[in-house]
Amino acid sequence: MSVIHEIIPTGPLEVNCQLLGDKNSGEAILIDPGGDSDKLLRRLKKLGLKLTHIINTHGHFDHIGGVEALKKATGCQFWIHKGDYPLVQDAANHAASWNLPFGPVPEIDNYIEDGEKIEVAGITLEVIHTPGHTKGGVCLKWNDQIAVGDTIFAGSIGRTDLPGGNMEQLLDSIMNILVPQGDNLQCHPGHGPSTNLGQERKTNPFLIG
């Protein structure tokens, strides 16, 4: 397989940044770089990969903390769903409410849409809009893997008391959009360990209650 997939915790809230690279093309994308841009750049260099795109599952400050520095260092593109434009713009204020610093707000280069197939770094990503944690929250699926952001976690689900959150909408997204993707789909959340949809369907208290 020419595809490289690594999960690298980043930033003060330990956001799982997904690194996806292609050995053949030498290109890479990052999903949700929450910070620690220097660490991510060192890893990309060690793997011999050039960062071409950052594609985010959503726009909360802890998931975009490394974007601006990475854009400046590599000239890469930053893509996100248009529903989370307000969150990106308000990231510094949101971070301040957690008593955390936030640098310059990154410029968005392109908006992704539900059902879109993105061909980057030798990988085809399918955009699946799963609002609820945020209005523009998406999951990004490739092969039998999916980056679910803060939509669902191992044994839990995303918060809905943060900007853009809606519990009813989140549960609808999980049960009617995400779960039908199949039990064997490997889920990589924005925080904590990976899981699969079958495990969550059977044991997650928010799904079986």
Protein backbone atom coordinates (compact mmCIF):
# COMPACT_ATOMS: atom_id res chain seq x y z
CA MET A 1 0.00 0.00 0.00
CA SER A 2 1.28 3.42 -0.88
CA VAL A 3 -1.02 5.21 1.58
CA ILE A 4 0.44 6.39 4.89
CA HIS A 5 -1.97 7.01 7.75
CA GLU A 6 -0.83 8.29 11.13
CA ILE A 7 -2.69 9.79 14.09
CA ILE A 8 -0.77 12.54 15.86
CA PRO A 9 -2.20 14.23 19.01
CA THR A 10 -1.82 18.00 18.69
CA GLY A 11 -2.47 21.17 20.65
CA PRO A 12 -3.42 21.81 24.27
CA LEU A 13 -6.61 19.73 24.02
CA GLU A 14 -4.88 16.74 22.39
CA VAL A 15 -6.74 16.81 19.08
CA ASN A 16 -6.07 13.75 16.93
CA CYS A 17 -4.57 15.10 13.72
CA GLN A 18 -4.84 12.59 10.88
CA LEU A 19 -1.86 12.52 8.53
CA LEU A 20 -2.61 10.94 5.17
CA GLY A 21 0.20 10.62 2.68
CA ASP A 22 0.96 8.94 -0.61
CA LYS A 23 4.42 7.42 -1.09
CA ASN A 24 4.05 7.48 -4.86
CA SER A 25 3.21 11.16 -5.27
CA GLY A 26 5.09 12.34 -2.18
CA GLU A 27 2.08 14.46 -1.18
CA ALA A 28 0.16 14.60 2.09
CA ILE A 29 -2.92 16.07 3.69
CA LEU A 30 -3.67 16.79 7.32
CA ILE A 31 -7.09 16.53 8.92
CA ASP A 32 -7.66 18.67 12.05
CA PRO A 33 -4.18 19.96 12.95
CA GLY A 34 -4.95 21.32 16.40
CA GLY A 35 -1.51 22.80 17.00
CA ASP A 36 2.12 21.71 17.31
CA SER A 37 2.80 22.74 13.73
CA ASP A 38 6.57 22.27 14.19
CA LYS A 39 6.04 18.65 15.25
CA LEU A 40 3.81 18.03 12.24
CA LEU A 41 6.31 19.64 9.87
CA ARG A 42 9.12 17.51 11.27
CA ARG A 43 7.06 14.37 10.77
CA LEU A 44 6.18 15.30 7.20
CA LYS A 45 9.86 15.97 6.47
CA LYS A 46 10.91 12.64 7.97
CA LEU A 47 8.35 10.85 5.79
CA GLY A 48 9.50 12.79 2.73
CA LEU A 49 6.04 14.25 2.15
CA LYS A 50 4.88 17.67 0.93
CA LEU A 51 1.74 19.03 2.58
CA THR A 52 -0.75 20.17 -0.05
CA HIS A 53 -4.05 20.41 1.84
CA ILE A 54 -5.51 20.78 5.31
CA ILE A 55 -9.11 19.55 5.40
CA ASN A 56 -10.99 19.98 8.65
CA THR A 57 -13.93 18.08 10.11
CA HIS A 58 -15.09 21.26 11.83
CA GLY A 59 -14.01 24.73 12.85
CA HIS A 60 -13.64 24.77 16.64
CA PHE A 61 -10.47 26.54 17.74
CA ASP A 62 -8.82 23.41 19.12
CA HIS A 63 -9.02 21.70 15.71
CA ILE A 64 -7.62 24.60 13.66
CA GLY A 65 -4.87 25.82 15.99
CA GLY A 66 -2.04 24.67 13.73
CA VAL A 67 -3.54 25.68 10.40
CA GLU A 68 -2.11 29.18 9.95
CA ALA A 69 1.47 28.19 10.79
CA LEU A 70 1.27 25.19 8.48
CA LYS A 71 -0.13 27.31 5.65
CA LYS A 72 2.65 29.83 6.11
CA ALA A 73 5.33 27.14 6.15
CA THR A 74 4.09 25.09 3.20
CA GLY A 75 1.69 27.18 1.12
CA CYS A 76 -0.95 24.46 1.51
CA GLN A 77 -4.71 24.99 1.09
CA PHE A 78 -7.20 25.06 3.99
CA TRP A 79 -10.61 23.53 3.24
CA ILE A 80 -13.67 23.30 5.51
CA HIS A 81 -17.48 23.23 5.26
CA LYS A 82 -19.00 26.68 4.83
CA GLY A 83 -21.32 26.09 7.80
CA ASP A 84 -18.34 26.52 10.11
CA TYR A 85 -17.06 29.77 8.65
CA PRO A 86 -18.34 31.69 11.73
CA LEU A 87 -16.47 29.34 14.08
CA VAL A 88 -13.19 29.87 12.25
CA GLN A 89 -13.65 33.63 12.37
CA ASP A 90 -14.43 33.55 16.11
CA ALA A 91 -11.69 31.06 17.03
CA ALA A 92 -9.59 33.53 19.03
CA ASN A 93 -12.55 34.59 21.20
CA HIS A 94 -13.61 30.98 21.72
CA ALA A 95 -10.04 30.03 22.74
CA ALA A 96 -9.91 32.97 25.14
CA SER A 97 -13.04 31.66 26.89
CA TRP A 98 -10.96 28.55 27.69
CA ASN A 99 -8.04 30.75 28.79
CA LEU A 100 -6.02 29.48 25.85
CA PRO A 101 -4.07 31.53 23.30
CA PHE A 102 -4.83 31.54 19.60
CA GLY A 103 -2.72 33.02 16.81
CA PRO A 104 -3.88 34.59 13.54
CA VAL A 105 -7.14 33.23 12.12
CA PRO A 106 -6.39 31.18 8.99
CA GLU A 107 -7.85 32.12 5.64
CA ILE A 108 -10.20 29.51 4.16
CA ASP A 109 -9.24 28.61 0.58
CA ASN A 110 -12.18 26.41 -0.37
CA TYR A 111 -15.50 25.15 1.01
CA ILE A 112 -16.28 21.43 0.92
CA GLU A 113 -19.79 20.04 0.44
CA ASP A 114 -21.74 16.94 1.40
CA GLY A 115 -21.20 14.09 -1.03
CA GLU A 116 -18.14 15.67 -2.59
CA LYS A 117 -15.29 13.35 -3.62
CA ILE A 118 -11.93 15.00 -3.05
CA GLU A 119 -8.92 13.62 -4.91
CA VAL A 120 -5.81 14.69 -3.00
CA ALA A 121 -2.41 13.12 -2.37
CA GLY A 122 -3.37 9.92 -4.15
CA ILE A 123 -6.38 9.47 -1.86
CA THR A 124 -10.11 9.87 -2.50
CA LEU A 125 -11.91 11.46 0.44
CA GLU A 126 -15.70 11.42 0.59
CA VAL A 127 -17.27 14.33 2.46
CA ILE A 128 -20.19 13.31 4.69
CA HIS A 129 -22.00 16.23 6.33
CA THR A 130 -22.86 15.29 9.93
CA PRO A 131 -24.10 18.45 11.66
CA GLY A 132 -24.83 18.49 15.38
CA HIS A 133 -21.50 19.09 17.09
CA THR A 134 -21.23 22.08 14.76
CA LYS A 135 -23.37 23.28 11.88
CA GLY A 136 -20.70 22.50 9.31
CA GLY A 137 -19.32 19.34 10.89
CA VAL A 138 -18.29 16.65 8.43
CA CYS A 139 -16.78 13.18 8.45
CA LEU A 140 -14.11 12.33 5.89
CA LYS A 141 -14.14 8.77 4.56
CA TRP A 142 -11.49 6.90 2.60
CA ASN A 143 -11.48 3.16 1.88
CA ASP A 144 -12.62 1.46 5.13
CA GLN A 145 -11.55 4.40 7.34
CA ILE A 146 -13.31 7.56 8.43
CA ALA A 147 -12.21 10.66 10.33
CA VAL A 148 -15.27 11.51 12.40
CA GLY A 149 -14.00 14.62 14.18
CA ASP A 150 -16.06 15.26 17.31
CA THR A 151 -19.24 13.65 15.94
CA ILE A 152 -18.72 10.39 17.83
CA PHE A 153 -16.10 9.00 20.22
CA ALA A 154 -15.32 5.57 21.59
CA GLY A 155 -18.15 5.20 24.09
CA SER A 156 -19.49 8.72 23.75
CA ILE A 157 -20.54 11.48 21.35
CA GLY A 158 -19.55 15.06 20.71
CA ARG A 159 -20.58 17.92 22.94
CA THR A 160 -23.51 20.06 21.88
CA ASP A 161 -23.13 22.86 24.45
CA LEU A 162 -20.43 24.58 22.38
CA PRO A 163 -21.01 27.09 19.55
CA GLY A 164 -22.96 25.45 16.72
CA GLY A 165 -24.11 22.46 18.77
CA ASN A 166 -27.51 20.77 18.59
CA MET A 167 -28.12 17.43 20.36
CA GLU A 168 -31.14 16.33 18.32
CA GLN A 169 -29.30 17.06 15.10
CA LEU A 170 -26.15 15.26 16.28
CA LEU A 171 -28.02 12.08 17.22
CA ASP A 172 -29.83 12.18 13.88
CA SER A 173 -26.50 12.51 12.06
CA ILE A 174 -25.01 9.57 13.94
CA MET A 175 -27.96 7.21 13.66
CA ASN A 176 -29.18 8.06 10.15
CA ILE A 177 -26.01 9.13 8.34
CA LEU A 178 -22.99 7.63 10.09
CA VAL A 179 -24.18 4.25 11.41
CA PRO A 180 -25.55 3.14 8.01
CA GLN A 181 -22.01 3.43 6.63
CA GLY A 182 -21.39 -0.08 8.03
CA ASP A 183 -20.24 -1.84 11.20
CA ASN A 184 -16.69 -2.48 9.98
CA LEU A 185 -15.88 1.13 9.20
CA GLN A 186 -12.90 2.18 11.32
CA CYS A 187 -13.64 5.49 13.06
CA HIS A 188 -10.90 7.92 14.03
CA PRO A 189 -12.34 10.56 16.40
CA GLY A 190 -10.96 14.00 17.09
CA HIS A 191 -10.05 12.96 20.64
CA GLY A 192 -9.30 9.61 22.25
CA PRO A 193 -8.92 6.12 20.78
CA SER A 194 -10.17 4.82 17.44
CA THR A 195 -13.17 2.51 17.30
CA ASN A 196 -15.59 1.06 14.74
CA LEU A 197 -19.26 1.65 14.08
CA GLY A 198 -20.29 -1.89 15.02
CA GLN A 199 -18.73 -1.53 18.46
CA GLU A 200 -20.39 1.84 19.02
CA ARG A 201 -23.77 0.67 17.77
CA LYS A 202 -23.71 -2.17 20.32
CA THR A 203 -22.11 -0.49 23.33
CA ASN A 204 -22.23 3.30 23.07
CA PRO A 205 -24.80 4.43 25.68
CA PHE A 206 -25.93 7.31 23.49
CA LEU A 207 -26.79 4.91 20.67
CA ILE A 208 -28.47 2.13 22.63
CA GLY A 209 -30.43 4.13 25.18
